[in-house]
Amino acid sequence: MLGTIAGFWISLLIAVFVGIAVIGALVSAGAGSKPEIDKNSILYIDLSGVMPERYQPADFWQMVQGSEEDGESLVDILDALRLAKNDAKIKGLYINAEGAAAGFASREEIVEAIREFKTSGKWVYAYADAYAQGDYMLASLADSVFLNPVGAVDVRGVASQIPFYKGLLDKLGVKMEVVRVGTYKSAVEPFITNEMSPASRMQTQVMIDSLWRYYTDVVSDSRGVTPSQVNGWADSIMGVWGAERTLREGAVSALRYRRSVEDLLRDECGLDVKDELKFVTPSEYMASRETANADKDHIAVLFACGDIVDSGEGGIVGKTMVPEILRLADDDNVRALVLRVNSGGGSAFASEQIWEALEYFKSKDKKFYVSMGDYAASGGYYISCGADRIFADRCTLTGSIGVFGLIPDFSGLVTDKLGVTFSTVQSNANSDFPSVLTGMTGYQRDALQKSVERTYDTFTSRVAEGRHMSQDSVKAIAEGRVWTGGAALDLGLVDEIGSLAAAVKAIADESGVDASKVVYYPAVEDKLLAEILASARGNVKAGGLDINASAMRVLRVLDRLQTADPVQARMPAVYFE
């Protein structure tokens, strides 16, 4: 019996290791193979899901739960449009609009890429059962915009609706201790007021008007109508129109079912009715192309996307971003660097460390440019300001040069409502600072205010040095004010309106490197095999307790909240619809 039990467990272990080896082999084989692009293929852009800046492989649990983000990445879409323009195997472009989640600046870059693609003379068609507003702007550039006969186009203008939590916090007995520098540094307002301040409302209105003006310009130019007509569509709540009226107003080219549009695509490709269409997604197309060799001279494009944090996982993590920049600086094959920034900011400390690492990169006599995406504000601008040249899109939100400190005071909830009191023993007067359970003293608040002001002074001095301005001039346009890319150009905060591709071409020309020799960083590693191995280890032991994966994620979030830098360089949360 013991022999049978031992044999069973040995066999099971062998099966597990063989399975892992097979999965590893399949993953490696898939990574090494390149798909072939057939003749008469169609570049197929599926506007659905979340559009990340760059492809990120899903982890094991995301794949099991089916919660991975499946949208095409922005960089794949842009690169595919640029290369497919001159590829004889690609007959045209088909845009299938299903409701993609993407920012204004990301869509602006796709608009410019589609316009460039159309200079090849290749056709562009778009179809949707119902067009969401953002997708419609992209689809409007098509030679023919097709709508389902019972579909709709949702054009209604841009709005920003910001939630305010002070009423809830008051009911809970929670007070937010806030210190800040900057009249427009409104990221803290949802916690201390019940509505927008006049300054915040004014700057948000300016942003919205600028973004909507860009939208109406693109649609009116593409569809051959006037901006006033587009505004009329929005004012009349176009999404509730019938499809026939949408056609009469010139918003679409024709009403067709998807099957009919696909028959038209077959005609364009010289295929029979029964032939299968050869759709190629941007990610598939880019997988078929040769990539630049990191062991030879190349331009490095480093992606800095998400919240700026000191440590942890996800976003722009100072403890991993800084070594990456230093490694690129010391790599002789890296001739220049384009930092692609898409961030509303975060930790002021981490922003300073990243800024210093980029200064080290420049000390190696290498050019350093920045390409701004949807956001490059507050901490996102902090890490950008030292660049030799800064490129931004018209719809980029940038600036927000300001600093704030935010510490919650739970004493009203814990002590006044729940009846929990605390006795503190400490060696010095402020040994327990900051305490979220007892609140700050006047001395502690003053000390934190001075810390915020020092950080603001450092921030503005970095901007002044990088942009070759006086610090007083920087402070005059700072105060936490958020600017669009076009306004930032006029103020000297950016150097040029242009896409990531424009930044790469410019730095390649200046550095004497072929613009096609681009390597994206950090390297993307497929974590599937590592996740399988980690999951095989079962629950995590912590302090004698069994903690499963879900509980560990919750603990990480709580730990991040507890250990977050109290001094933040972050733009206000702005939600555009």
Protein backbone atom coordinates (compact mmCIF):
# COMPACT_ATOMS: atom_id res chain seq x y z
CA MET A 1 0.00 0.00 0.00
CA LEU A 2 2.82 2.43 0.89
CA GLY A 3 4.50 1.58 -2.41
CA THR A 4 1.26 2.34 -4.28
CA ILE A 5 0.86 5.70 -2.51
CA ALA A 6 4.48 6.63 -3.20
CA GLY A 7 4.07 5.64 -6.85
CA PHE A 8 0.93 7.76 -7.17
CA TRP A 9 2.61 10.91 -5.83
CA ILE A 10 5.74 10.39 -7.88
CA SER A 11 3.61 9.94 -11.01
CA LEU A 12 1.63 13.05 -10.17
CA LEU A 13 4.79 15.11 -9.72
CA ILE A 14 6.18 13.84 -13.02
CA ALA A 15 2.90 14.71 -14.76
CA VAL A 16 2.98 18.24 -13.31
CA PHE A 17 6.55 18.88 -14.42
CA VAL A 18 5.91 17.37 -17.86
CA GLY A 19 2.81 19.58 -18.22
CA ILE A 20 4.80 22.66 -17.25
CA ALA A 21 7.51 21.73 -19.73
CA VAL A 22 4.97 21.25 -22.52
CA ILE A 23 3.33 24.60 -21.77
CA GLY A 24 6.74 26.25 -21.71
CA ALA A 25 7.61 24.69 -25.06
CA LEU A 26 4.32 25.86 -26.57
CA VAL A 27 4.83 29.38 -25.24
CA SER A 28 8.39 29.47 -26.58
CA ALA A 29 7.33 28.07 -29.94
CA GLY A 30 4.54 30.61 -30.23
CA ALA A 31 6.90 33.43 -29.34
CA GLY A 32 9.42 32.36 -31.96
CA SER A 33 7.02 31.96 -34.92
CA LYS A 34 6.00 34.84 -37.18
CA PRO A 35 2.63 34.82 -38.93
CA GLU A 36 2.62 35.14 -42.71
CA ILE A 37 0.59 37.91 -44.35
CA ASP A 38 -1.29 36.67 -47.44
CA LYS A 39 -1.98 38.68 -50.56
CA ASN A 40 -5.26 40.61 -50.64
CA SER A 41 -5.26 41.01 -46.88
CA ILE A 42 -7.17 43.74 -45.03
CA LEU A 43 -5.78 45.61 -42.04
CA TYR A 44 -8.56 45.19 -39.49
CA ILE A 45 -8.82 47.60 -36.58
CA ASP A 46 -11.33 46.40 -34.01
CA LEU A 47 -12.23 49.37 -31.82
CA SER A 48 -13.33 47.53 -28.70
CA GLY A 49 -12.18 47.04 -25.14
CA VAL A 50 -9.52 49.05 -23.35
CA MET A 51 -6.79 50.43 -25.61
CA PRO A 52 -3.51 50.32 -23.67
CA GLU A 53 -0.48 52.29 -24.82
CA ARG A 54 1.39 49.03 -25.29
CA TYR A 55 0.55 45.34 -25.18
CA GLN A 56 0.78 43.82 -21.72
CA PRO A 57 0.38 40.05 -21.38
CA ALA A 58 -2.38 38.89 -19.05
CA ASP A 59 -1.37 37.06 -15.92
CA PHE A 60 -2.56 33.53 -15.15
CA TRP A 61 -5.55 34.56 -13.03
CA GLN A 62 -6.75 37.09 -15.60
CA MET A 63 -6.71 34.36 -18.25
CA VAL A 64 -8.57 31.91 -16.01
CA GLN A 65 -11.21 34.51 -15.09
CA GLY A 66 -11.42 35.91 -18.63
CA SER A 67 -10.78 39.43 -17.32
CA GLU A 68 -7.73 40.30 -19.39
CA GLU A 69 -7.82 43.49 -21.45
CA ASP A 70 -8.25 42.41 -25.07
CA GLY A 71 -8.15 45.75 -26.89
CA GLU A 72 -5.50 46.45 -29.52
CA SER A 73 -2.62 48.54 -28.17
CA LEU A 74 -2.12 52.08 -29.43
CA VAL A 75 1.47 51.49 -30.48
CA ASP A 76 0.52 48.41 -32.55
CA ILE A 77 -2.25 50.36 -34.31
CA LEU A 78 0.05 53.28 -35.12
CA ASP A 79 2.95 51.11 -36.28
CA ALA A 80 0.69 48.88 -38.38
CA LEU A 81 -0.92 51.84 -40.15
CA ARG A 82 2.47 53.35 -40.87
CA LEU A 83 3.97 50.16 -42.31
CA ALA A 84 0.87 48.75 -44.04
CA LYS A 85 0.58 51.95 -46.06
CA ASN A 86 3.35 50.73 -48.39
CA ASP A 87 2.71 46.97 -48.08
CA ALA A 88 1.38 45.55 -51.36
CA LYS A 89 -0.22 42.64 -49.51
CA ILE A 90 -2.56 45.00 -47.63
CA LYS A 91 -5.41 46.11 -49.90
CA GLY A 92 -7.10 48.49 -47.52
CA LEU A 93 -8.24 49.32 -44.00
CA TYR A 94 -11.44 48.18 -42.31
CA ILE A 95 -12.49 49.84 -39.04
CA ASN A 96 -14.98 47.88 -36.95
CA ALA A 97 -16.31 50.24 -34.28
CA GLU A 98 -17.45 48.40 -31.17
CA GLY A 99 -16.76 51.01 -28.48
CA ALA A 100 -13.08 51.36 -27.59
CA ALA A 101 -11.96 52.98 -24.34
CA ALA A 102 -9.22 55.46 -25.25
CA GLY A 103 -8.21 59.01 -24.45
CA PHE A 104 -8.50 62.03 -26.72
CA ALA A 105 -4.79 62.27 -27.45
CA SER A 106 -4.60 58.56 -28.30
CA ARG A 107 -7.43 59.02 -30.79
CA GLU A 108 -5.71 62.10 -32.18
CA GLU A 109 -2.62 60.03 -32.99
CA ILE A 110 -4.78 57.42 -34.73
CA VAL A 111 -6.51 60.19 -36.71
CA GLU A 112 -3.15 61.39 -38.01
CA ALA A 113 -2.03 57.81 -38.76
CA ILE A 114 -5.21 57.09 -40.76
CA ARG A 115 -4.75 60.31 -42.71
CA GLU A 116 -1.21 59.25 -43.55
CA PHE A 117 -2.41 55.76 -44.53
CA LYS A 118 -4.93 57.28 -46.95
CA THR A 119 -2.17 59.06 -48.88
CA SER A 120 -1.28 55.63 -50.28
CA GLY A 121 -4.53 55.63 -52.26
CA LYS A 122 -5.78 52.52 -50.49
CA TRP A 123 -9.43 52.43 -49.48
CA VAL A 124 -10.71 52.82 -45.92
CA TYR A 125 -14.12 51.54 -44.82
CA ALA A 126 -15.80 51.74 -41.41
CA TYR A 127 -18.80 49.92 -39.99
CA ALA A 128 -20.70 49.83 -36.70
CA ASP A 129 -23.97 48.54 -35.37
CA ALA A 130 -23.92 51.77 -33.34
CA TYR A 131 -21.11 54.34 -33.21
CA ALA A 132 -19.90 55.59 -29.86
CA GLN A 133 -18.77 59.20 -30.00
CA GLY A 134 -15.02 58.54 -29.81
CA ASP A 135 -15.11 55.73 -32.38
CA TYR A 136 -17.15 57.87 -34.74
CA MET A 137 -14.41 60.49 -34.90
CA LEU A 138 -11.98 57.83 -36.16
CA ALA A 139 -14.55 56.23 -38.47
CA SER A 140 -15.44 59.61 -39.99
CA LEU A 141 -12.10 59.57 -41.85
CA ALA A 142 -13.16 56.49 -43.84
CA ASP A 143 -13.99 56.77 -47.54
CA SER A 144 -17.33 55.17 -46.66
CA VAL A 145 -18.91 55.15 -43.20
CA PHE A 146 -21.49 52.36 -42.94
CA LEU A 147 -24.16 52.11 -40.25
CA ASN A 148 -26.52 49.27 -39.44
CA PRO A 149 -30.02 50.17 -40.74
CA VAL A 150 -31.36 50.15 -37.18
CA GLY A 151 -28.22 51.62 -35.61
CA ALA A 152 -27.30 55.09 -34.32
CA VAL A 153 -24.41 57.53 -34.04
CA ASP A 154 -23.87 58.99 -30.57
CA VAL A 155 -22.54 62.54 -30.90
CA ARG A 156 -23.43 64.69 -27.88
CA GLY A 157 -20.40 66.77 -26.95
CA VAL A 158 -17.86 66.47 -24.14
CA ALA A 159 -18.71 66.54 -20.46
CA SER A 160 -16.78 66.12 -17.24
CA GLN A 161 -18.55 64.93 -14.11
CA ILE A 162 -16.45 64.74 -10.97
CA PRO A 163 -17.73 63.02 -7.80
CA PHE A 164 -17.31 64.83 -4.47
CA TYR A 165 -17.04 62.81 -1.26
CA LYS A 166 -17.16 65.43 1.49
CA GLY A 167 -20.81 64.75 2.32
CA LEU A 168 -20.10 61.04 2.69
CA LEU A 169 -16.97 61.67 4.74
CA ASP A 170 -18.87 64.04 7.03
CA LYS A 171 -21.48 61.37 7.70
CA LEU A 172 -18.74 58.86 8.44
CA GLY A 173 -16.88 61.28 10.69
CA VAL A 174 -13.78 61.27 8.48
CA LYS A 175 -11.84 64.48 7.88
CA MET A 176 -9.18 64.90 5.19
CA GLU A 177 -6.18 66.98 6.27
CA VAL A 178 -5.02 68.86 3.17
CA VAL A 179 -2.04 71.06 2.42
CA ARG A 180 -1.28 72.25 -1.09
CA VAL A 181 0.46 74.78 -3.29
CA GLY A 182 -1.40 76.03 -6.35
CA THR A 183 -4.73 77.76 -6.85
CA TYR A 184 -5.67 75.22 -9.52
CA LYS A 185 -4.36 72.15 -7.67
CA SER A 186 -7.86 70.75 -7.44
CA ALA A 187 -7.06 67.04 -7.04
CA VAL A 188 -7.92 67.37 -3.34
CA GLU A 189 -11.22 69.21 -3.82
CA PRO A 190 -13.46 66.11 -3.92
CA PHE A 191 -12.43 65.41 -0.30
CA ILE A 192 -12.85 68.89 1.17
CA THR A 193 -15.71 70.56 -0.76
CA ASN A 194 -19.08 69.64 -2.22
CA GLU A 195 -18.54 71.22 -5.62
CA MET A 196 -15.91 72.58 -7.99
CA SER A 197 -14.08 75.74 -7.02
CA PRO A 198 -14.39 78.60 -9.54
CA ALA A 199 -10.75 78.08 -10.57
CA SER A 200 -11.26 74.35 -11.15
CA ARG A 201 -14.49 74.91 -13.07
CA MET A 202 -12.83 77.52 -15.27
CA GLN A 203 -9.84 75.35 -16.20
CA THR A 204 -12.06 72.31 -16.83
CA GLN A 205 -14.30 74.36 -19.11
CA VAL A 206 -11.28 75.54 -21.10
CA MET A 207 -10.06 71.94 -21.48
CA ILE A 208 -13.47 70.67 -22.56
CA ASP A 209 -13.93 73.45 -25.11
CA SER A 210 -10.50 72.74 -26.60
CA LEU A 211 -11.10 68.99 -26.87
CA TRP A 212 -14.55 69.46 -28.40
CA ARG A 213 -13.21 72.00 -30.89
CA TYR A 214 -10.67 69.41 -32.07
CA TYR A 215 -13.42 66.79 -32.37
CA THR A 216 -15.71 69.01 -34.44
CA ASP A 217 -12.82 70.04 -36.70
CA VAL A 218 -11.94 66.40 -37.46
CA VAL A 219 -15.53 65.27 -38.08
CA SER A 220 -16.56 68.31 -40.11
CA ASP A 221 -13.48 68.09 -42.30
CA SER A 222 -13.86 64.33 -42.82
CA ARG A 223 -17.61 64.32 -43.51
CA GLY A 224 -17.73 67.53 -45.53
CA VAL A 225 -20.01 69.36 -43.10
CA THR A 226 -19.51 72.48 -41.00
CA PRO A 227 -18.54 72.57 -37.31
CA SER A 228 -21.92 74.25 -36.69
CA GLN A 229 -23.67 71.20 -38.13
CA VAL A 230 -21.70 68.89 -35.83
CA ASN A 231 -22.68 71.08 -32.87
CA GLY A 232 -26.27 70.85 -34.07
CA TRP A 233 -26.03 67.06 -34.06
CA ALA A 234 -24.76 67.14 -30.47
CA ASP A 235 -27.37 69.63 -29.26
CA SER A 236 -30.23 67.54 -30.68
CA ILE A 237 -29.01 64.33 -28.95
CA MET A 238 -28.09 62.57 -32.17
CA GLY A 239 -27.98 59.14 -30.54
CA VAL A 240 -31.79 59.00 -30.38
CA TRP A 241 -32.29 59.72 -34.08
CA GLY A 242 -33.35 57.00 -36.44
CA ALA A 243 -30.75 55.69 -38.89
CA GLU A 244 -32.54 57.29 -41.85
CA ARG A 245 -32.20 60.78 -40.39
CA THR A 246 -28.54 60.09 -39.57
CA LEU A 247 -28.02 59.27 -43.25
CA ARG A 248 -29.90 62.36 -44.44
CA GLU A 249 -27.80 64.60 -42.21
CA GLY A 250 -24.63 63.31 -43.89
CA ALA A 251 -23.17 61.67 -40.79
CA VAL A 252 -22.83 58.29 -42.58
CA SER A 253 -22.39 57.20 -46.18
CA ALA A 254 -24.89 54.35 -46.35
CA LEU A 255 -27.04 52.01 -44.26
CA ARG A 256 -25.90 48.40 -44.57
CA TYR A 257 -25.89 45.25 -42.53
CA ARG A 258 -22.50 43.79 -41.61
CA ARG A 259 -22.91 40.95 -44.13
CA SER A 260 -23.44 43.44 -46.95
CA VAL A 261 -20.33 45.42 -45.95
CA GLU A 262 -18.23 42.26 -45.91
CA ASP A 263 -19.48 41.41 -49.42
CA LEU A 264 -18.25 44.85 -50.49
CA LEU A 265 -14.85 44.10 -48.96
CA ARG A 266 -14.69 40.87 -50.97
CA ASP A 267 -15.32 42.85 -54.15
CA GLU A 268 -12.51 45.25 -53.25
CA CYS A 269 -10.14 42.30 -52.74
CA GLY A 270 -11.25 40.45 -55.89
CA LEU A 271 -12.69 37.55 -53.90
CA ASP A 272 -15.75 35.41 -54.57
CA VAL A 273 -18.79 35.55 -52.32
CA LYS A 274 -17.84 32.30 -50.61
CA ASP A 275 -14.20 33.24 -50.07
CA GLU A 276 -13.09 34.04 -46.56
CA LEU A 277 -11.88 37.58 -45.90
CA LYS A 278 -8.25 37.82 -44.84
CA PHE A 279 -8.39 40.15 -41.87
CA VAL A 280 -5.09 41.03 -40.18
CA THR A 281 -5.17 42.81 -36.82
CA PRO A 282 -2.47 45.37 -35.96
CA SER A 283 -0.91 43.02 -33.40
CA GLU A 284 -0.81 40.17 -35.92
CA TYR A 285 0.62 42.46 -38.57
CA MET A 286 3.37 43.71 -36.29
CA ALA A 287 4.17 40.15 -35.20
CA SER A 288 4.87 39.36 -38.87
CA ARG A 289 7.46 42.13 -39.15
CA GLU A 290 11.12 42.01 -38.29
CA THR A 291 11.94 43.93 -35.12
CA ALA A 292 15.03 46.01 -34.44
CA ASN A 293 17.95 44.27 -32.74
CA ALA A 294 18.64 45.54 -29.23
CA ASP A 295 22.26 44.39 -29.63
CA LYS A 296 22.86 46.97 -32.36
CA ASP A 297 22.53 50.75 -32.49
CA HIS A 298 18.93 51.77 -31.92
CA ILE A 299 16.52 54.33 -30.50
CA ALA A 300 15.02 53.29 -27.16
CA VAL A 301 11.35 54.11 -26.55
CA LEU A 302 10.62 53.73 -22.86
CA PHE A 303 6.96 53.64 -21.81
CA ALA A 304 6.03 55.43 -18.59
CA CYS A 305 2.29 54.88 -18.13
CA GLY A 306 0.01 55.05 -15.11
CA ASP A 307 0.33 56.41 -11.59
CA ILE A 308 3.82 57.27 -10.36
CA VAL A 309 4.53 55.25 -7.21
CA ASP A 310 7.63 54.58 -5.14
CA SER A 311 7.32 50.79 -5.15
CA GLY A 312 4.90 47.99 -5.91
CA GLU A 313 3.46 46.61 -9.12
CA GLY A 314 1.76 48.45 -11.96
CA GLY A 315 2.09 52.02 -13.14
CA ILE A 316 5.39 53.92 -13.12
CA VAL A 317 7.30 52.35 -10.25
CA GLY A 318 10.29 54.42 -9.19
CA LYS A 319 12.29 51.47 -7.87
CA THR A 320 12.11 49.69 -11.22
CA MET A 321 11.98 52.67 -13.62
CA VAL A 322 15.17 54.26 -12.30
CA PRO A 323 17.38 51.15 -12.81
CA GLU A 324 15.87 50.72 -16.28
CA ILE A 325 16.85 54.28 -17.25
CA LEU A 326 20.35 53.85 -15.81
CA ARG A 327 20.79 50.61 -17.74
CA LEU A 328 19.76 52.30 -20.99
CA ALA A 329 22.18 55.14 -20.25
CA ASP A 330 25.07 52.71 -19.88
CA ASP A 331 24.10 50.60 -22.92
CA ASP A 332 26.31 51.65 -25.84
CA ASN A 333 23.74 50.29 -28.31
CA VAL A 334 21.16 52.80 -27.09
CA ARG A 335 21.92 55.94 -29.07
CA ALA A 336 18.98 58.03 -27.86
CA LEU A 337 15.85 57.81 -25.72
CA VAL A 338 12.21 58.77 -26.25
CA LEU A 339 10.24 58.63 -23.02
CA ARG A 340 6.57 58.02 -23.80
CA VAL A 341 4.64 59.54 -20.90
CA ASN A 342 0.99 58.86 -20.18
CA SER A 343 0.53 59.76 -16.53
CA GLY A 344 -1.41 62.14 -14.35
CA GLY A 345 1.37 61.99 -11.75
CA GLY A 346 1.65 60.54 -8.27
CA SER A 347 4.52 60.37 -5.79
CA ALA A 348 6.65 63.52 -5.78
CA PHE A 349 9.59 61.55 -4.37
CA ALA A 350 9.51 58.94 -7.13
CA SER A 351 9.13 61.70 -9.74
CA GLU A 352 12.33 63.35 -8.48
CA GLN A 353 14.25 60.04 -8.60
CA ILE A 354 13.14 59.40 -12.18
CA TRP A 355 14.04 62.99 -13.15
CA GLU A 356 17.55 62.52 -11.75
CA ALA A 357 18.02 59.21 -13.58
CA LEU A 358 17.07 60.94 -16.85
CA GLU A 359 19.64 63.66 -16.10
CA TYR A 360 22.20 60.87 -15.79
CA PHE A 361 21.11 59.57 -19.19
CA LYS A 362 21.72 63.02 -20.71
CA SER A 363 25.16 63.16 -19.09
CA LYS A 364 26.18 60.26 -21.35
CA ASP A 365 25.94 62.68 -24.31
CA LYS A 366 22.77 61.00 -25.58
CA LYS A 367 19.65 62.79 -26.75
CA PHE A 368 16.51 62.48 -24.66
CA TYR A 369 13.07 63.43 -26.01
CA VAL A 370 9.60 63.08 -24.50
CA SER A 371 6.42 62.08 -26.31
CA MET A 372 3.29 62.91 -24.32
CA GLY A 373 0.15 60.78 -24.62
CA ASP A 374 -3.27 61.46 -23.12
CA TYR A 375 -1.75 62.86 -19.93
CA ALA A 376 1.66 64.14 -18.90
CA ALA A 377 0.63 66.25 -15.94
CA SER A 378 1.96 67.03 -12.48
CA GLY A 379 4.41 64.19 -11.74
CA GLY A 380 4.06 63.21 -15.39
CA TYR A 381 5.34 66.66 -16.36
CA TYR A 382 7.99 66.51 -13.62
CA ILE A 383 9.66 63.51 -15.30
CA SER A 384 9.28 65.14 -18.72
CA CYS A 385 10.56 68.66 -18.13
CA GLY A 386 14.27 67.86 -18.47
CA ALA A 387 13.97 66.50 -22.01
CA ASP A 388 15.93 68.07 -24.87
CA ARG A 389 12.62 68.33 -26.76
CA ILE A 390 9.04 67.65 -25.73
CA PHE A 391 6.38 66.52 -28.20
CA ALA A 392 2.70 66.61 -27.26
CA ASP A 393 -0.59 66.05 -29.03
CA ARG A 394 -3.09 68.90 -29.26
CA CYS A 395 -5.41 66.97 -26.94
CA THR A 396 -2.72 66.04 -24.40
CA LEU A 397 -3.46 67.28 -20.88
CA THR A 398 -0.24 68.54 -19.32
CA GLY A 399 1.15 71.01 -16.82
CA SER A 400 -0.59 70.78 -13.42
CA ILE A 401 2.66 71.97 -11.83
CA GLY A 402 1.69 71.86 -8.19
CA VAL A 403 2.00 69.73 -5.06
CA PHE A 404 -0.36 68.64 -2.31
CA GLY A 405 -0.38 66.57 0.85
CA LEU A 406 -3.42 64.54 1.86
CA ILE A 407 -3.74 62.70 5.18
CA PRO A 408 -7.06 61.26 6.42
CA ASP A 409 -8.20 61.83 9.99
CA PHE A 410 -10.42 58.95 11.14
CA SER A 411 -10.78 60.16 14.74
CA GLY A 412 -14.35 61.37 14.14
CA LEU A 413 -15.32 57.89 13.00
CA VAL A 414 -13.22 55.72 15.28
CA THR A 415 -13.48 57.75 18.49
CA ASP A 416 -16.66 59.83 18.24
CA LYS A 417 -18.87 57.28 16.46
CA LEU A 418 -17.37 53.92 17.39
CA GLY A 419 -16.15 54.85 20.86
CA VAL A 420 -12.57 53.66 20.40
CA THR A 421 -10.03 55.80 22.26
CA PHE A 422 -6.25 55.75 22.21
CA SER A 423 -3.50 56.32 24.71
CA THR A 424 -0.13 57.16 23.22
CA VAL A 425 3.32 56.80 24.74
CA GLN A 426 6.12 58.37 22.74
CA SER A 427 9.70 59.48 23.15
CA ASN A 428 9.18 62.83 21.43
CA ALA A 429 6.37 65.26 20.74
CA ASN A 430 5.71 64.03 17.21
CA SER A 431 6.78 60.38 17.30
CA ASP A 432 3.34 59.27 16.09
CA PHE A 433 3.23 61.63 13.07
CA PRO A 434 1.38 61.14 10.81
CA SER A 435 -1.42 59.40 12.67
CA VAL A 436 -4.68 58.77 10.84
CA LEU A 437 -6.39 57.95 14.15
CA THR A 438 -5.82 61.17 16.09
CA GLY A 439 -5.39 63.88 13.45
CA MET A 440 -2.63 66.47 13.09
CA THR A 441 -1.64 69.19 15.52
CA GLY A 442 -1.14 72.76 14.33
CA TYR A 443 2.62 72.30 14.49
CA GLN A 444 2.43 69.13 12.40
CA ARG A 445 0.22 70.80 9.80
CA ASP A 446 2.67 73.71 9.50
CA ALA A 447 5.56 71.29 9.10
CA LEU A 448 3.77 69.40 6.34
CA GLN A 449 2.87 72.66 4.59
CA LYS A 450 6.54 73.67 4.59
CA SER A 451 7.46 70.26 3.16
CA VAL A 452 4.93 70.70 0.36
CA GLU A 453 6.25 74.19 -0.37
CA ARG A 454 9.84 72.87 -0.55
CA THR A 455 8.74 70.17 -2.97
CA TYR A 456 6.92 72.77 -5.07
CA ASP A 457 10.02 74.94 -5.13
CA THR A 458 12.11 71.97 -6.27
CA PHE A 459 9.50 71.03 -8.90
CA THR A 460 9.37 74.55 -10.37
CA SER A 461 13.17 74.81 -10.34
CA ARG A 462 13.40 71.56 -12.33
CA VAL A 463 10.93 72.95 -14.85
CA ALA A 464 12.79 76.26 -15.06
CA GLU A 465 16.09 74.47 -15.67
CA GLY A 466 14.68 72.09 -18.25
CA ARG A 467 12.61 74.65 -20.15
CA HIS A 468 15.22 77.44 -19.93
CA MET A 469 12.84 79.79 -18.13
CA SER A 470 13.09 81.76 -14.92
CA GLN A 471 11.51 80.12 -11.90
CA ASP A 472 9.18 83.10 -11.48
CA SER A 473 7.98 82.62 -15.07
CA VAL A 474 7.27 78.97 -14.34
CA LYS A 475 5.34 79.81 -11.18
CA ALA A 476 3.25 82.30 -13.13
CA ILE A 477 1.87 79.49 -15.33
CA ALA A 478 2.02 76.76 -12.67
CA GLU A 479 -0.29 76.93 -9.64
CA GLY A 480 -1.50 73.43 -10.55
CA ARG A 481 -3.11 74.67 -13.79
CA VAL A 482 -3.79 71.98 -16.40
CA TRP A 483 -3.21 72.89 -20.05
CA THR A 484 -3.95 71.18 -23.35
CA GLY A 485 -1.01 70.47 -25.64
CA GLY A 486 -1.82 73.40 -27.91
CA ALA A 487 -1.88 75.87 -25.00
CA ALA A 488 1.26 74.31 -23.51
CA LEU A 489 3.08 74.97 -26.79
CA ASP A 490 2.21 78.67 -26.64
CA LEU A 491 3.43 78.81 -23.02
CA GLY A 492 6.73 77.09 -23.75
CA LEU A 493 5.95 73.97 -21.71
CA VAL A 494 6.32 71.79 -24.83
CA ASP A 495 8.33 72.27 -28.02
CA GLU A 496 6.23 70.74 -30.75
CA ILE A 497 2.81 69.30 -31.54
CA GLY A 498 3.47 65.82 -32.84
CA SER A 499 2.95 62.11 -32.31
CA LEU A 500 5.22 59.43 -30.92
CA ALA A 501 6.29 58.65 -34.49
CA ALA A 502 7.21 62.30 -35.04
CA ALA A 503 9.32 62.32 -31.88
CA VAL A 504 11.10 59.12 -32.93
CA LYS A 505 11.84 60.47 -36.41
CA ALA A 506 13.16 63.76 -35.04
CA ILE A 507 15.48 62.16 -32.51
CA ALA A 508 16.67 59.60 -35.06
CA ASP A 509 17.59 62.36 -37.49
CA GLU A 510 19.46 64.27 -34.79
CA SER A 511 21.27 61.16 -33.55
CA GLY A 512 22.13 59.78 -36.99
CA VAL A 513 20.21 56.53 -36.49
CA ASP A 514 17.76 54.88 -38.89
CA ALA A 515 14.26 55.76 -37.63
CA SER A 516 13.19 52.13 -38.15
CA LYS A 517 15.72 50.95 -35.56
CA VAL A 518 13.44 51.31 -32.55
CA VAL A 519 13.27 49.01 -29.53
CA TYR A 520 10.47 49.34 -26.98
CA TYR A 521 11.24 49.17 -23.26
CA PRO A 522 10.79 47.77 -20.72
CA ALA A 523 10.94 44.35 -22.32
CA VAL A 524 7.57 42.59 -22.30
CA GLU A 525 7.81 39.20 -20.67
CA ASP A 526 5.02 36.65 -20.87
CA LYS A 527 4.30 35.78 -17.25
CA LEU A 528 2.06 32.79 -17.97
CA LEU A 529 4.58 30.08 -17.07
CA ALA A 530 5.74 31.95 -13.96
CA GLU A 531 2.12 32.37 -12.85
CA ILE A 532 1.46 28.64 -13.30
CA LEU A 533 4.49 27.81 -11.21
CA ALA A 534 3.46 30.33 -8.56
CA SER A 535 -0.09 29.02 -8.43
CA ALA A 536 1.23 25.48 -7.94
CA ARG A 537 2.76 26.58 -4.67
CA GLY A 538 -0.74 27.12 -3.26
CA ASN A 539 -1.54 29.56 -0.57
CA VAL A 540 0.98 32.07 0.79
CA LYS A 541 2.05 31.72 4.41
CA ALA A 542 2.13 35.01 6.30
CA GLY A 543 2.54 35.14 10.04
CA GLY A 544 1.31 31.57 10.40
CA LEU A 545 -1.91 32.28 8.45
CA ASP A 546 -2.92 30.85 5.08
CA ILE A 547 -3.58 33.76 2.68
CA ASN A 548 -4.93 32.96 -0.75
CA ALA A 549 -4.28 35.00 -3.90
CA SER A 550 -7.42 37.16 -3.61
CA ALA A 551 -6.72 38.08 0.01
CA MET A 552 -3.12 38.89 -0.87
CA ARG A 553 -4.26 41.36 -3.52
CA VAL A 554 -6.45 43.13 -0.94
CA LEU A 555 -3.53 43.29 1.50
CA ARG A 556 -1.30 44.78 -1.20
CA VAL A 557 -3.84 47.53 -1.89
CA LEU A 558 -4.13 48.32 1.83
CA ASP A 559 -0.35 48.32 2.18
CA ARG A 560 -0.02 50.70 -0.78
CA LEU A 561 -2.53 53.11 0.79
CA GLN A 562 -0.72 52.94 4.10
CA THR A 563 2.77 53.44 2.68
CA ALA A 564 1.95 55.94 -0.09
CA ASP A 565 4.03 59.12 -0.18
CA PRO A 566 1.93 61.76 1.64
CA VAL A 567 3.30 64.46 -0.68
CA GLN A 568 1.86 64.03 -4.15
CA ALA A 569 2.37 65.69 -7.53
CA ARG A 570 -0.85 64.57 -9.19
CA MET A 571 -3.37 66.22 -11.52
CA PRO A 572 -7.07 66.28 -10.61
CA ALA A 573 -9.15 63.35 -11.75
CA VAL A 574 -11.00 64.47 -14.87
CA TYR A 575 -13.55 62.17 -16.48
CA PHE A 576 -14.51 63.03 -20.04
CA GLU A 577 -17.60 61.56 -21.65
